[in-house]
Amino acid sequence: MADTDPDALEREIERTRVELARTVDAIADRVSPKRVAERSVAKVKANAERLVGGQHRQVRPGEEGQAGVWEEYPPRDISPVLMVVGAALVVGAAVLLLRRRRRS
């Protein structure tokens, strides 16, 4: 059966209230625009570093190299990606110009 002692009920209510307040604070912190922006910037920086500066991985103990150091792979060749982006921009600009001429 449930506790009918008023003091025990009050303690349980207070404990639940504290847990709920912590949960609400954690959710508010996680979805705050500042935190979302910080995580997005960190993700973009990590992706840019991986594309431009080469892939990195942390060496685990027992693997070659020293434990806990970052080992750099050879940088990726991003020229094909840049060529595709450039071609897409040119095609998009051409389509926009052709549509504009047809309307005039």
C-alpha atoms as a PDB file:
ATOM      1  CA  MET A   1       0.000   0.000   0.000  1.00  0.00           C
ATOM      2  CA  ALA A   2       1.008   3.591  -0.416  1.00  0.00           C
ATOM      3  CA  ASP A   3       2.533   5.497   2.476  1.00  0.00           C
ATOM      4  CA  THR A   4      -0.115   7.441   4.351  1.00  0.00           C
ATOM      5  CA  ASP A   5       2.362   9.184   6.620  1.00  0.00           C
ATOM      6  CA  PRO A   6       2.108  12.927   5.791  1.00  0.00           C
ATOM      7  CA  ASP A   7       5.813  13.524   6.416  1.00  0.00           C
ATOM      8  CA  ALA A   8       6.801  10.664   4.094  1.00  0.00           C
ATOM      9  CA  LEU A   9       4.431  11.983   1.424  1.00  0.00           C
ATOM     10  CA  GLU A  10       5.890  15.487   1.734  1.00  0.00           C
ATOM     11  CA  ARG A  11       9.442  14.119   1.404  1.00  0.00           C
ATOM     12  CA  GLU A  12       8.444  12.111  -1.669  1.00  0.00           C
ATOM     13  CA  ILE A  13       6.752  15.156  -3.231  1.00  0.00           C
ATOM     14  CA  GLU A  14       9.815  17.321  -2.565  1.00  0.00           C
ATOM     15  CA  ARG A  15      12.160  14.671  -4.018  1.00  0.00           C
ATOM     16  CA  THR A  16       9.959  14.413  -7.118  1.00  0.00           C
ATOM     17  CA  ARG A  17       9.841  18.210  -7.424  1.00  0.00           C
ATOM     18  CA  VAL A  18      13.657  18.425  -7.286  1.00  0.00           C
ATOM     19  CA  GLU A  19      14.056  15.678  -9.911  1.00  0.00           C
ATOM     20  CA  LEU A  20      11.516  17.395 -12.163  1.00  0.00           C
ATOM     21  CA  ALA A  21      13.285  20.749 -11.802  1.00  0.00           C
ATOM     22  CA  ARG A  22      16.618  19.139 -12.790  1.00  0.00           C
ATOM     23  CA  THR A  23      15.024  17.472 -15.790  1.00  0.00           C
ATOM     24  CA  VAL A  24      13.376  20.697 -16.961  1.00  0.00           C
ATOM     25  CA  ASP A  25      16.668  22.601 -16.537  1.00  0.00           C
ATOM     26  CA  ALA A  26      18.556  19.943 -18.533  1.00  0.00           C
ATOM     27  CA  ILE A  27      15.990  20.061 -21.340  1.00  0.00           C
ATOM     28  CA  ALA A  28      16.014  23.869 -21.407  1.00  0.00           C
ATOM     29  CA  ASP A  29      19.824  23.887 -21.567  1.00  0.00           C
ATOM     30  CA  ARG A  30      19.860  21.309 -24.363  1.00  0.00           C
ATOM     31  CA  VAL A  31      17.381  23.157 -26.589  1.00  0.00           C
ATOM     32  CA  SER A  32      18.537  26.696 -25.880  1.00  0.00           C
ATOM     33  CA  PRO A  33      19.462  28.545 -29.094  1.00  0.00           C
ATOM     34  CA  LYS A  34      22.924  29.283 -27.734  1.00  0.00           C
ATOM     35  CA  ARG A  35      23.683  25.588 -27.083  1.00  0.00           C
ATOM     36  CA  VAL A  36      22.212  24.506 -30.419  1.00  0.00           C
ATOM     37  CA  ALA A  37      24.363  27.097 -32.201  1.00  0.00           C
ATOM     38  CA  GLU A  38      27.475  26.004 -30.287  1.00  0.00           C
ATOM     39  CA  ARG A  39      26.907  22.352 -31.235  1.00  0.00           C
ATOM     40  CA  SER A  40      26.249  23.289 -34.867  1.00  0.00           C
ATOM     41  CA  VAL A  41      29.410  25.381 -35.082  1.00  0.00           C
ATOM     42  CA  ALA A  42      31.452  22.590 -33.503  1.00  0.00           C
ATOM     43  CA  LYS A  43      30.025  20.065 -35.973  1.00  0.00           C
ATOM     44  CA  VAL A  44      30.747  22.315 -38.974  1.00  0.00           C
ATOM     45  CA  LYS A  45      34.292  22.943 -37.747  1.00  0.00           C
ATOM     46  CA  ALA A  46      34.911  19.234 -37.285  1.00  0.00           C
ATOM     47  CA  ASN A  47      33.567  18.431 -40.760  1.00  0.00           C
ATOM     48  CA  ALA A  48      35.602  21.231 -42.367  1.00  0.00           C
ATOM     49  CA  GLU A  49      38.753  20.114 -40.584  1.00  0.00           C
ATOM     50  CA  ARG A  50      38.193  16.541 -41.716  1.00  0.00           C
ATOM     51  CA  LEU A  51      37.650  17.612 -45.342  1.00  0.00           C
ATOM     52  CA  VAL A  52      40.494  20.106 -45.584  1.00  0.00           C
ATOM     53  CA  GLY A  53      43.062  18.856 -43.118  1.00  0.00           C
ATOM     54  CA  GLY A  54      42.655  15.130 -43.510  1.00  0.00           C
ATOM     55  CA  GLN A  55      40.936  12.578 -41.355  1.00  0.00           C
ATOM     56  CA  HIS A  56      41.989  12.136 -37.758  1.00  0.00           C
ATOM     57  CA  ARG A  57      41.490   9.302 -35.374  1.00  0.00           C
ATOM     58  CA  GLN A  58      42.535   8.737 -31.819  1.00  0.00           C
ATOM     59  CA  VAL A  59      44.999   5.895 -31.350  1.00  0.00           C
ATOM     60  CA  ARG A  60      43.859   3.466 -28.678  1.00  0.00           C
ATOM     61  CA  PRO A  61      46.211   1.854 -26.177  1.00  0.00           C
ATOM     62  CA  GLY A  62      47.792  -1.243 -27.679  1.00  0.00           C
ATOM     63  CA  GLU A  63      47.656   0.091 -31.238  1.00  0.00           C
ATOM     64  CA  GLU A  64      50.593   1.484 -33.140  1.00  0.00           C
ATOM     65  CA  GLY A  65      51.654   4.907 -31.952  1.00  0.00           C
ATOM     66  CA  GLN A  66      51.251   6.370 -28.517  1.00  0.00           C
ATOM     67  CA  ALA A  67      48.084   6.039 -26.503  1.00  0.00           C
ATOM     68  CA  GLY A  68      45.802   9.035 -26.580  1.00  0.00           C
ATOM     69  CA  VAL A  69      47.510  10.919 -29.397  1.00  0.00           C
ATOM     70  CA  TRP A  70      45.877  11.959 -32.643  1.00  0.00           C
ATOM     71  CA  GLU A  71      47.185  10.362 -35.794  1.00  0.00           C
ATOM     72  CA  GLU A  72      46.598  12.146 -39.107  1.00  0.00           C
ATOM     73  CA  TYR A  73      45.653  10.324 -42.284  1.00  0.00           C
ATOM     74  CA  PRO A  74      46.667  11.728 -45.667  1.00  0.00           C
ATOM     75  CA  PRO A  75      44.431  14.683 -46.627  1.00  0.00           C
ATOM     76  CA  ARG A  76      41.521  13.942 -48.913  1.00  0.00           C
ATOM     77  CA  ASP A  77      41.503  15.248 -52.454  1.00  0.00           C
ATOM     78  CA  ILE A  78      38.432  17.498 -52.485  1.00  0.00           C
ATOM     79  CA  SER A  79      38.853  18.704 -56.064  1.00  0.00           C
ATOM     80  CA  PRO A  80      36.087  16.372 -57.408  1.00  0.00           C
ATOM     81  CA  VAL A  81      33.690  17.772 -54.807  1.00  0.00           C
ATOM     82  CA  LEU A  82      34.590  21.333 -55.749  1.00  0.00           C
ATOM     83  CA  MET A  83      34.121  20.540 -59.451  1.00  0.00           C
ATOM     84  CA  VAL A  84      30.639  19.121 -58.819  1.00  0.00           C
ATOM     85  CA  VAL A  85      29.649  22.131 -56.715  1.00  0.00           C
ATOM     86  CA  GLY A  86      30.953  24.497 -59.396  1.00  0.00           C
ATOM     87  CA  ALA A  87      29.108  22.631 -62.155  1.00  0.00           C
ATOM     88  CA  ALA A  88      25.881  22.724 -60.126  1.00  0.00           C
ATOM     89  CA  LEU A  89      26.251  26.474 -59.646  1.00  0.00           C
ATOM     90  CA  VAL A  90      26.829  27.041 -63.360  1.00  0.00           C
ATOM     91  CA  VAL A  91      23.819  24.918 -64.333  1.00  0.00           C
ATOM     92  CA  GLY A  92      21.654  26.658 -61.732  1.00  0.00           C
ATOM     93  CA  ALA A  93      22.696  30.101 -62.974  1.00  0.00           C
ATOM     94  CA  ALA A  94      22.015  29.088 -66.578  1.00  0.00           C
ATOM     95  CA  VAL A  95      18.544  27.832 -65.721  1.00  0.00           C
ATOM     96  CA  LEU A  96      17.731  31.063 -63.876  1.00  0.00           C
ATOM     97  CA  LEU A  97      18.949  33.199 -66.807  1.00  0.00           C
ATOM     98  CA  LEU A  98      16.941  31.168 -69.329  1.00  0.00           C
ATOM     99  CA  ARG A  99      13.769  31.478 -67.242  1.00  0.00           C
ATOM    100  CA  ARG A 100      14.293  35.207 -66.881  1.00  0.00           C
ATOM    101  CA  ARG A 101      14.742  35.662 -70.647  1.00  0.00           C
ATOM    102  CA  ARG A 102      11.592  33.695 -71.406  1.00  0.00           C
ATOM    103  CA  ARG A 103       9.516  35.886 -69.110  1.00  0.00           C
ATOM    104  CA  SER A 104      10.778  39.116 -70.655  1.00  0.00           C
END
